[in-house]
Amino acid sequence: MQGFVIFLGILALLLIWWNLWVSRLIVLYLRDKGESASLFKFGFFIKGKIFSYLPLYRKRSLEDEGKVGKLYWQFYFSFATAMFLIIIGVIMLGSK
C-alpha cells in the first residue's frame, strides 16, 4: 500500500510540474497579446497570481480564436487531478 501512495505522490508531482509549465505558457501568451502578466512579485514566485490571469486568458483566447484556449483546460485538469491524488494519498496514509 505504501508503494501505491508513493506512486500517487509521483503522479501528483508530475501534474504539478505540468501545471507550472502551463501557467508559464499562459503568462507568455498574455504578454504576447500586450497584457501585463507575471507570476512574480518583488522577485518571489507567487502561484496564486495565475488565478487572476485565467479569466483574462479565457477572454483573450475567445476573442482571438473563437474558442477557449487549450491551456485553460490543461491548467484546471492538472490542478484538480493533482489535488485529488494528494487527498487520496493522505487518506490512504491516514487509514493505516
C-alpha atoms as a PDB file:
ATOM      1  CA  MET A   1       0.000   0.000   0.000  1.00  0.00           C
ATOM      2  CA  GLN A   2       2.838   2.393   0.791  1.00  0.00           C
ATOM      3  CA  GLY A   3       4.260   1.792  -2.684  1.00  0.00           C
ATOM      4  CA  PHE A   4       0.951   2.815  -4.239  1.00  0.00           C
ATOM      5  CA  VAL A   5       0.880   6.010  -2.159  1.00  0.00           C
ATOM      6  CA  ILE A   6       4.391   6.822  -3.376  1.00  0.00           C
ATOM      7  CA  PHE A   7       3.202   6.224  -6.951  1.00  0.00           C
ATOM      8  CA  LEU A   8       0.279   8.628  -6.388  1.00  0.00           C
ATOM      9  CA  GLY A   9       2.724  11.182  -4.977  1.00  0.00           C
ATOM     10  CA  ILE A  10       4.971  10.937  -8.013  1.00  0.00           C
ATOM     11  CA  LEU A  11       1.978  11.363 -10.330  1.00  0.00           C
ATOM     12  CA  ALA A  12       0.865  14.390  -8.311  1.00  0.00           C
ATOM     13  CA  LEU A  13       4.346  15.929  -8.583  1.00  0.00           C
ATOM     14  CA  LEU A  14       4.347  15.415 -12.359  1.00  0.00           C
ATOM     15  CA  LEU A  15       0.929  17.059 -12.614  1.00  0.00           C
ATOM     16  CA  ILE A  16       2.103  19.996 -10.508  1.00  0.00           C
ATOM     17  CA  TRP A  17       5.116  20.392 -12.802  1.00  0.00           C
ATOM     18  CA  TRP A  18       2.780  20.303 -15.816  1.00  0.00           C
ATOM     19  CA  ASN A  19       0.555  22.881 -14.126  1.00  0.00           C
ATOM     20  CA  LEU A  20       3.515  25.210 -13.568  1.00  0.00           C
ATOM     21  CA  TRP A  21       4.553  24.824 -17.210  1.00  0.00           C
ATOM     22  CA  VAL A  22       1.013  25.616 -18.400  1.00  0.00           C
ATOM     23  CA  SER A  23       0.930  28.633 -16.053  1.00  0.00           C
ATOM     24  CA  ARG A  24       4.126  29.905 -17.642  1.00  0.00           C
ATOM     25  CA  LEU A  25       2.690  29.424 -21.138  1.00  0.00           C
ATOM     26  CA  ILE A  26      -0.473  31.328 -20.170  1.00  0.00           C
ATOM     27  CA  VAL A  27       1.597  34.253 -18.904  1.00  0.00           C
ATOM     28  CA  LEU A  28       3.684  34.237 -22.098  1.00  0.00           C
ATOM     29  CA  TYR A  29       0.501  34.178 -24.218  1.00  0.00           C
ATOM     30  CA  LEU A  30      -0.908  37.156 -22.335  1.00  0.00           C
ATOM     31  CA  ARG A  31       2.361  39.069 -22.690  1.00  0.00           C
ATOM     32  CA  ASP A  32       2.364  38.416 -26.432  1.00  0.00           C
ATOM     33  CA  LYS A  33      -1.131  39.912 -26.569  1.00  0.00           C
ATOM     34  CA  GLY A  34       0.051  43.088 -24.821  1.00  0.00           C
ATOM     35  CA  GLU A  35      -1.144  42.310 -21.288  1.00  0.00           C
ATOM     36  CA  SER A  36       0.976  42.937 -18.226  1.00  0.00           C
ATOM     37  CA  ALA A  37       1.319  39.477 -16.667  1.00  0.00           C
ATOM     38  CA  SER A  38       3.879  37.957 -14.329  1.00  0.00           C
ATOM     39  CA  LEU A  39       3.986  35.131 -11.811  1.00  0.00           C
ATOM     40  CA  PHE A  40       6.491  37.036  -9.687  1.00  0.00           C
ATOM     41  CA  LYS A  41       6.089  39.851  -7.193  1.00  0.00           C
ATOM     42  CA  PHE A  42       9.149  41.557  -5.718  1.00  0.00           C
ATOM     43  CA  GLY A  43      11.278  38.714  -7.102  1.00  0.00           C
ATOM     44  CA  PHE A  44       9.257  35.949  -5.426  1.00  0.00           C
ATOM     45  CA  PHE A  45       7.205  33.347  -7.273  1.00  0.00           C
ATOM     46  CA  ILE A  46       3.500  33.751  -6.463  1.00  0.00           C
ATOM     47  CA  LYS A  47       1.477  30.768  -7.753  1.00  0.00           C
ATOM     48  CA  GLY A  48      -1.848  32.315  -6.734  1.00  0.00           C
ATOM     49  CA  LYS A  49      -1.462  35.121  -9.266  1.00  0.00           C
ATOM     50  CA  ILE A  50      -2.307  32.749 -12.106  1.00  0.00           C
ATOM     51  CA  PHE A  51      -5.908  32.583 -10.913  1.00  0.00           C
ATOM     52  CA  SER A  52      -6.302  36.277 -11.736  1.00  0.00           C
ATOM     53  CA  TYR A  53      -4.940  35.652 -15.255  1.00  0.00           C
ATOM     54  CA  LEU A  54      -7.137  32.667 -16.124  1.00  0.00           C
ATOM     55  CA  PRO A  55     -10.291  34.729 -16.806  1.00  0.00           C
ATOM     56  CA  LEU A  56      -8.199  37.129 -18.886  1.00  0.00           C
ATOM     57  CA  TYR A  57      -6.666  34.237 -20.834  1.00  0.00           C
ATOM     58  CA  ARG A  58     -10.117  32.778 -21.424  1.00  0.00           C
ATOM     59  CA  LYS A  59     -11.441  36.121 -22.676  1.00  0.00           C
ATOM     60  CA  ARG A  60      -8.441  36.812 -24.937  1.00  0.00           C
ATOM     61  CA  SER A  61      -8.382  33.326 -26.440  1.00  0.00           C
ATOM     62  CA  LEU A  62     -12.135  33.505 -27.110  1.00  0.00           C
ATOM     63  CA  GLU A  63     -11.647  36.813 -28.896  1.00  0.00           C
ATOM     64  CA  ASP A  64      -8.627  35.630 -30.905  1.00  0.00           C
ATOM     65  CA  GLU A  65      -9.521  32.023 -31.713  1.00  0.00           C
ATOM     66  CA  GLY A  66     -13.291  31.893 -31.260  1.00  0.00           C
ATOM     67  CA  LYS A  67     -12.952  29.270 -28.527  1.00  0.00           C
ATOM     68  CA  VAL A  68     -11.332  28.916 -25.135  1.00  0.00           C
ATOM     69  CA  GLY A  69      -7.643  28.102 -25.468  1.00  0.00           C
ATOM     70  CA  LYS A  70      -6.349  24.621 -24.644  1.00  0.00           C
ATOM     71  CA  LEU A  71      -4.132  25.918 -21.871  1.00  0.00           C
ATOM     72  CA  TYR A  72      -7.193  26.937 -19.853  1.00  0.00           C
ATOM     73  CA  TRP A  73      -8.480  23.383 -19.625  1.00  0.00           C
ATOM     74  CA  GLN A  74      -4.997  21.913 -19.164  1.00  0.00           C
ATOM     75  CA  PHE A  75      -4.475  24.181 -16.166  1.00  0.00           C
ATOM     76  CA  TYR A  76      -7.691  23.134 -14.443  1.00  0.00           C
ATOM     77  CA  PHE A  77      -7.296  19.439 -15.306  1.00  0.00           C
ATOM     78  CA  SER A  78      -3.748  19.226 -13.968  1.00  0.00           C
ATOM     79  CA  PHE A  79      -4.576  21.267 -10.860  1.00  0.00           C
ATOM     80  CA  ALA A  80      -7.734  19.328  -9.947  1.00  0.00           C
ATOM     81  CA  THR A  81      -6.176  15.930 -10.645  1.00  0.00           C
ATOM     82  CA  ALA A  82      -3.062  16.714  -8.593  1.00  0.00           C
ATOM     83  CA  MET A  83      -5.201  17.865  -5.650  1.00  0.00           C
ATOM     84  CA  PHE A  84      -7.348  14.727  -5.941  1.00  0.00           C
ATOM     85  CA  LEU A  85      -4.295  12.444  -5.924  1.00  0.00           C
ATOM     86  CA  ILE A  86      -2.794  14.254  -2.934  1.00  0.00           C
ATOM     87  CA  ILE A  87      -6.030  13.944  -0.961  1.00  0.00           C
ATOM     88  CA  ILE A  88      -6.377  10.241  -1.817  1.00  0.00           C
ATOM     89  CA  GLY A  89      -2.742   9.661  -0.806  1.00  0.00           C
ATOM     90  CA  VAL A  90      -3.191  11.424   2.533  1.00  0.00           C
ATOM     91  CA  ILE A  91      -6.380   9.457   3.248  1.00  0.00           C
ATOM     92  CA  MET A  92      -4.613   6.199   2.411  1.00  0.00           C
ATOM     93  CA  LEU A  93      -1.691   7.069   4.686  1.00  0.00           C
ATOM     94  CA  GLY A  94      -4.071   8.004   7.496  1.00  0.00           C
ATOM     95  CA  SER A  95      -6.034   4.760   7.249  1.00  0.00           C
ATOM     96  CA  LYS A  96      -3.011   2.563   8.019  1.00  0.00           C
END
